[in-house]
Amino acid sequence: MTFAEYQLKSRQTAIYPDRDNNLTYTILGLVGEAGEVAEKLKKIIRDQDYQINEENRQAIADELGDVLWYLAQNASELKIDLEEIANRNLEKLFSRQARNQLKGSGDNR
């Protein structure tokens, strides 16, 4: 499945207030789901000494799926193709790599 296909299919399940005009809702959802990924890892660190088992792996994968869903809805709210976002990100990263700028900080490096 391509990002474009995922974005289109996932949009069919997007039911929230003022859809197509509610970036705030989808951004907050993205942050919340990313927090759930972090929470899973925090508990693995605390309870399992960083040892990720198959159950943990699947639980994190499920949360990452929710992150992907919200990412796709953010793109849809902005009327940008998720595939375009992915391509732009890779272009940026490969440009930084070619200029030996992957490390460091700042958006414009």
N, C-alpha and C. Protein backbone atom coordinates (compact mmCIF):
# COMPACT_ATOMS: atom_id res chain seq x y z
N MET A 1 0.84 -1.18 0.00
CA MET A 1 0.00 0.00 0.00
C MET A 1 0.89 1.24 0.00
N THR A 2 0.51 2.22 -0.78
CA THR A 2 1.25 3.48 -0.82
C THR A 2 0.71 4.42 0.26
N PHE A 3 1.46 5.48 0.51
CA PHE A 3 0.97 6.50 1.44
C PHE A 3 -0.33 7.11 0.91
N ALA A 4 -0.40 7.32 -0.39
CA ALA A 4 -1.61 7.91 -0.98
C ALA A 4 -2.82 7.01 -0.73
N GLU A 5 -2.64 5.72 -0.93
CA GLU A 5 -3.74 4.78 -0.68
C GLU A 5 -4.14 4.78 0.79
N TYR A 6 -3.14 4.78 1.67
CA TYR A 6 -3.44 4.80 3.10
C TYR A 6 -4.20 6.05 3.48
N GLN A 7 -3.75 7.19 2.98
CA GLN A 7 -4.41 8.46 3.31
C GLN A 7 -5.87 8.43 2.87
N LEU A 8 -6.10 7.96 1.68
CA LEU A 8 -7.47 7.91 1.15
C LEU A 8 -8.34 6.94 1.95
N LYS A 9 -7.83 5.75 2.21
CA LYS A 9 -8.60 4.75 2.95
C LYS A 9 -8.83 5.17 4.40
N SER A 10 -7.80 5.71 5.03
CA SER A 10 -7.95 6.10 6.44
C SER A 10 -8.93 7.25 6.58
N ARG A 11 -9.03 8.09 5.57
CA ARG A 11 -9.95 9.24 5.63
C ARG A 11 -11.39 8.77 5.75
N GLN A 12 -11.68 7.58 5.24
CA GLN A 12 -13.04 7.04 5.33
C GLN A 12 -13.44 6.78 6.78
N THR A 13 -12.47 6.66 7.68
CA THR A 13 -12.76 6.39 9.09
C THR A 13 -12.62 7.63 9.95
N ALA A 14 -12.38 8.78 9.33
CA ALA A 14 -12.17 10.03 10.07
C ALA A 14 -13.51 10.65 10.45
N ILE A 15 -13.90 10.43 11.68
CA ILE A 15 -15.15 10.99 12.19
C ILE A 15 -14.81 11.82 13.41
N TYR A 16 -14.84 13.13 13.24
CA TYR A 16 -14.57 14.05 14.34
C TYR A 16 -15.21 15.40 14.01
N PRO A 17 -15.36 16.26 15.02
CA PRO A 17 -16.06 17.53 14.80
C PRO A 17 -15.40 18.39 13.71
N ASP A 18 -16.23 18.96 12.87
CA ASP A 18 -15.80 19.91 11.84
C ASP A 18 -14.69 19.37 10.95
N ARG A 19 -14.86 18.10 10.57
CA ARG A 19 -13.87 17.47 9.69
C ARG A 19 -13.66 18.33 8.45
N ASP A 20 -12.46 18.37 7.96
CA ASP A 20 -11.99 19.17 6.82
C ASP A 20 -11.74 20.62 7.20
N ASN A 21 -11.95 20.94 8.47
CA ASN A 21 -11.66 22.29 8.95
C ASN A 21 -11.29 22.24 10.43
N ASN A 22 -10.50 21.23 10.82
CA ASN A 22 -10.21 21.07 12.24
C ASN A 22 -8.80 20.51 12.44
N LEU A 23 -7.81 21.27 12.02
CA LEU A 23 -6.42 20.86 12.20
C LEU A 23 -6.06 20.72 13.68
N THR A 24 -6.66 21.55 14.52
CA THR A 24 -6.37 21.49 15.95
C THR A 24 -6.67 20.10 16.50
N TYR A 25 -7.81 19.54 16.14
CA TYR A 25 -8.20 18.22 16.64
C TYR A 25 -7.18 17.16 16.22
N THR A 26 -6.78 17.19 14.96
CA THR A 26 -5.87 16.15 14.48
C THR A 26 -4.45 16.33 15.02
N ILE A 27 -4.02 17.56 15.21
CA ILE A 27 -2.70 17.79 15.82
C ILE A 27 -2.70 17.29 17.26
N LEU A 28 -3.74 17.61 18.02
CA LEU A 28 -3.82 17.13 19.40
C LEU A 28 -3.89 15.61 19.45
N GLY A 29 -4.59 15.01 18.51
CA GLY A 29 -4.63 13.55 18.45
C GLY A 29 -3.27 12.95 18.17
N LEU A 30 -2.53 13.56 17.25
CA LEU A 30 -1.18 13.09 16.92
C LEU A 30 -0.27 13.15 18.15
N VAL A 31 -0.30 14.26 18.85
CA VAL A 31 0.53 14.43 20.04
C VAL A 31 0.13 13.42 21.11
N GLY A 32 -1.16 13.21 21.28
CA GLY A 32 -1.63 12.24 22.27
C GLY A 32 -1.18 10.83 21.96
N GLU A 33 -1.29 10.43 20.71
CA GLU A 33 -0.87 9.08 20.33
C GLU A 33 0.65 8.91 20.43
N ALA A 34 1.40 9.95 20.06
CA ALA A 34 2.86 9.89 20.22
C ALA A 34 3.21 9.74 21.70
N GLY A 35 2.46 10.40 22.55
CA GLY A 35 2.65 10.26 23.99
C GLY A 35 2.39 8.83 24.45
N GLU A 36 1.42 8.16 23.85
CA GLU A 36 1.14 6.77 24.21
C GLU A 36 2.30 5.86 23.80
N VAL A 37 2.94 6.14 22.67
CA VAL A 37 4.14 5.38 22.28
C VAL A 37 5.21 5.57 23.34
N ALA A 38 5.44 6.80 23.74
CA ALA A 38 6.45 7.09 24.75
C ALA A 38 6.11 6.41 26.08
N GLU A 39 4.85 6.42 26.45
CA GLU A 39 4.42 5.78 27.70
C GLU A 39 4.69 4.28 27.69
N LYS A 40 4.45 3.63 26.55
CA LYS A 40 4.75 2.20 26.43
C LYS A 40 6.23 1.95 26.69
N LEU A 41 7.08 2.76 26.06
CA LEU A 41 8.52 2.60 26.24
C LEU A 41 8.94 2.89 27.68
N LYS A 42 8.36 3.91 28.29
CA LYS A 42 8.68 4.24 29.68
C LYS A 42 8.43 3.05 30.58
N LYS A 43 7.31 2.36 30.37
CA LYS A 43 6.98 1.20 31.21
C LYS A 43 7.90 0.02 30.94
N ILE A 44 8.35 -0.11 29.70
CA ILE A 44 9.32 -1.16 29.38
C ILE A 44 10.64 -0.87 30.10
N ILE A 45 11.04 0.38 30.11
CA ILE A 45 12.27 0.76 30.81
C ILE A 45 12.12 0.49 32.31
N ARG A 46 11.00 0.91 32.87
CA ARG A 46 10.78 0.77 34.30
C ARG A 46 10.60 -0.68 34.73
N ASP A 47 9.79 -1.43 34.00
CA ASP A 47 9.38 -2.76 34.44
C ASP A 47 10.17 -3.91 33.84
N GLN A 48 10.84 -3.66 32.72
CA GLN A 48 11.49 -4.76 32.00
C GLN A 48 12.94 -4.48 31.64
N ASP A 49 13.53 -3.46 32.26
CA ASP A 49 14.94 -3.15 32.05
C ASP A 49 15.28 -3.05 30.56
N TYR A 50 14.47 -2.31 29.81
CA TYR A 50 14.67 -2.06 28.37
C TYR A 50 14.46 -3.30 27.48
N GLN A 51 14.02 -4.40 28.03
CA GLN A 51 13.86 -5.63 27.24
C GLN A 51 12.49 -5.64 26.57
N ILE A 52 12.49 -5.50 25.26
CA ILE A 52 11.24 -5.47 24.49
C ILE A 52 10.91 -6.88 24.03
N ASN A 53 9.77 -7.38 24.48
CA ASN A 53 9.33 -8.70 24.03
C ASN A 53 8.31 -8.54 22.90
N GLU A 54 7.83 -9.65 22.38
CA GLU A 54 6.92 -9.59 21.23
C GLU A 54 5.61 -8.89 21.58
N GLU A 55 5.11 -9.09 22.78
CA GLU A 55 3.88 -8.41 23.20
C GLU A 55 4.09 -6.89 23.22
N ASN A 56 5.22 -6.45 23.78
CA ASN A 56 5.55 -5.01 23.78
C ASN A 56 5.67 -4.48 22.37
N ARG A 57 6.36 -5.25 21.53
CA ARG A 57 6.59 -4.83 20.15
C ARG A 57 5.25 -4.60 19.43
N GLN A 58 4.33 -5.52 19.62
CA GLN A 58 3.02 -5.38 18.97
C GLN A 58 2.22 -4.22 19.56
N ALA A 59 2.32 -4.01 20.87
CA ALA A 59 1.61 -2.89 21.50
C ALA A 59 2.14 -1.56 20.97
N ILE A 60 3.45 -1.45 20.83
CA ILE A 60 4.04 -0.23 20.28
C ILE A 60 3.64 -0.08 18.81
N ALA A 61 3.65 -1.17 18.07
CA ALA A 61 3.24 -1.11 16.66
C ALA A 61 1.80 -0.61 16.53
N ASP A 62 0.92 -1.05 17.43
CA ASP A 62 -0.47 -0.58 17.40
C ASP A 62 -0.53 0.93 17.64
N GLU A 63 0.24 1.41 18.60
CA GLU A 63 0.26 2.86 18.87
C GLU A 63 0.85 3.62 17.69
N LEU A 64 1.90 3.07 17.07
CA LEU A 64 2.48 3.72 15.89
C LEU A 64 1.47 3.79 14.76
N GLY A 65 0.61 2.78 14.66
CA GLY A 65 -0.47 2.82 13.67
C GLY A 65 -1.41 3.98 13.93
N ASP A 66 -1.70 4.23 15.22
CA ASP A 66 -2.55 5.38 15.56
C ASP A 66 -1.85 6.70 15.23
N VAL A 67 -0.54 6.75 15.45
CA VAL A 67 0.23 7.94 15.06
C VAL A 67 0.12 8.15 13.55
N LEU A 68 0.27 7.08 12.79
CA LEU A 68 0.17 7.17 11.33
C LEU A 68 -1.21 7.66 10.91
N TRP A 69 -2.25 7.17 11.57
CA TRP A 69 -3.62 7.60 11.23
C TRP A 69 -3.75 9.11 11.43
N TYR A 70 -3.31 9.60 12.58
CA TYR A 70 -3.42 11.03 12.83
C TYR A 70 -2.53 11.84 11.90
N LEU A 71 -1.36 11.31 11.56
CA LEU A 71 -0.50 12.00 10.60
C LEU A 71 -1.22 12.14 9.26
N ALA A 72 -1.87 11.08 8.83
CA ALA A 72 -2.61 11.13 7.57
C ALA A 72 -3.77 12.13 7.65
N GLN A 73 -4.44 12.20 8.78
CA GLN A 73 -5.55 13.15 8.91
C GLN A 73 -5.04 14.58 8.96
N ASN A 74 -3.88 14.80 9.57
CA ASN A 74 -3.28 16.13 9.54
C ASN A 74 -2.99 16.54 8.10
N ALA A 75 -2.42 15.63 7.34
CA ALA A 75 -2.12 15.92 5.94
C ALA A 75 -3.41 16.24 5.18
N SER A 76 -4.45 15.47 5.44
CA SER A 76 -5.73 15.71 4.76
C SER A 76 -6.31 17.05 5.15
N GLU A 77 -6.24 17.40 6.42
CA GLU A 77 -6.75 18.70 6.86
C GLU A 77 -6.00 19.84 6.17
N LEU A 78 -4.70 19.63 5.93
CA LEU A 78 -3.88 20.64 5.26
C LEU A 78 -3.96 20.56 3.73
N LYS A 79 -4.69 19.53 3.26
CA LYS A 79 -4.83 19.30 1.81
C LYS A 79 -3.47 19.08 1.15
N ILE A 80 -2.66 18.25 1.81
CA ILE A 80 -1.34 17.86 1.31
C ILE A 80 -1.32 16.34 1.24
N ASP A 81 -0.75 15.82 0.17
CA ASP A 81 -0.61 14.37 0.06
C ASP A 81 0.44 13.87 1.03
N LEU A 82 0.10 12.83 1.77
CA LEU A 82 1.04 12.22 2.70
C LEU A 82 2.28 11.74 1.97
N GLU A 83 2.10 11.27 0.76
CA GLU A 83 3.24 10.84 -0.05
C GLU A 83 4.19 12.01 -0.34
N GLU A 84 3.63 13.19 -0.59
CA GLU A 84 4.45 14.39 -0.81
C GLU A 84 5.25 14.73 0.45
N ILE A 85 4.61 14.61 1.60
CA ILE A 85 5.29 14.88 2.87
C ILE A 85 6.46 13.91 3.03
N ALA A 86 6.23 12.64 2.76
CA ALA A 86 7.29 11.63 2.88
C ALA A 86 8.44 11.93 1.92
N ASN A 87 8.12 12.26 0.70
CA ASN A 87 9.16 12.56 -0.29
C ASN A 87 9.96 13.80 0.09
N ARG A 88 9.27 14.85 0.53
CA ARG A 88 9.96 16.08 0.94
C ARG A 88 10.89 15.82 2.11
N ASN A 89 10.44 14.98 3.04
CA ASN A 89 11.27 14.67 4.19
C ASN A 89 12.53 13.93 3.78
N LEU A 90 12.39 12.96 2.88
CA LEU A 90 13.57 12.23 2.40
C LEU A 90 14.52 13.14 1.64
N GLU A 91 13.99 14.03 0.82
CA GLU A 91 14.84 14.99 0.11
C GLU A 91 15.64 15.83 1.09
N LYS A 92 14.99 16.31 2.13
CA LYS A 92 15.66 17.11 3.14
C LYS A 92 16.76 16.30 3.83
N LEU A 93 16.45 15.07 4.21
CA LEU A 93 17.43 14.24 4.92
C LEU A 93 18.61 13.87 4.04
N PHE A 94 18.36 13.52 2.79
CA PHE A 94 19.47 13.18 1.89
C PHE A 94 20.32 14.41 1.57
N SER A 95 19.70 15.58 1.51
CA SER A 95 20.47 16.80 1.32
C SER A 95 21.37 17.05 2.52
N ARG A 96 20.84 16.88 3.71
CA ARG A 96 21.66 17.05 4.91
C ARG A 96 22.80 16.02 4.95
N GLN A 97 22.47 14.80 4.55
CA GLN A 97 23.49 13.75 4.54
C GLN A 97 24.61 14.10 3.57
N ALA A 98 24.25 14.57 2.38
CA ALA A 98 25.25 14.93 1.37
C ALA A 98 26.13 16.08 1.84
N ARG A 99 25.59 16.95 2.68
CA ARG A 99 26.34 18.08 3.21
C ARG A 99 26.93 17.80 4.59
N ASN A 100 26.84 16.53 5.02
CA ASN A 100 27.34 16.12 6.33
C ASN A 100 26.69 16.93 7.46
N GLN A 101 25.37 17.11 7.35
CA GLN A 101 24.64 17.93 8.33
C GLN A 101 23.52 17.15 9.01
N LEU A 102 23.60 15.81 9.03
CA LEU A 102 22.55 15.06 9.71
C LEU A 102 22.57 15.32 11.21
N LYS A 103 23.74 15.46 11.77
CA LYS A 103 23.85 15.78 13.19
C LYS A 103 23.73 17.28 13.36
N GLY A 104 23.43 17.68 14.57
CA GLY A 104 23.32 19.10 14.84
C GLY A 104 21.89 19.49 15.11
N SER A 105 21.64 20.77 15.17
CA SER A 105 20.29 21.23 15.45
C SER A 105 19.93 22.38 14.51
N GLY A 106 18.68 22.68 14.48
CA GLY A 106 18.19 23.75 13.60
C GLY A 106 17.51 23.17 12.38
N ASP A 107 16.40 23.78 12.00
CA ASP A 107 15.63 23.29 10.86
C ASP A 107 16.34 23.51 9.53
N ASN A 108 17.11 24.58 9.42
CA ASN A 108 17.72 24.96 8.14
C ASN A 108 19.21 24.67 8.13
N ARG A 109 19.56 23.41 8.30
CA ARG A 109 20.98 23.06 8.26
C ARG A 109 21.29 22.24 7.04
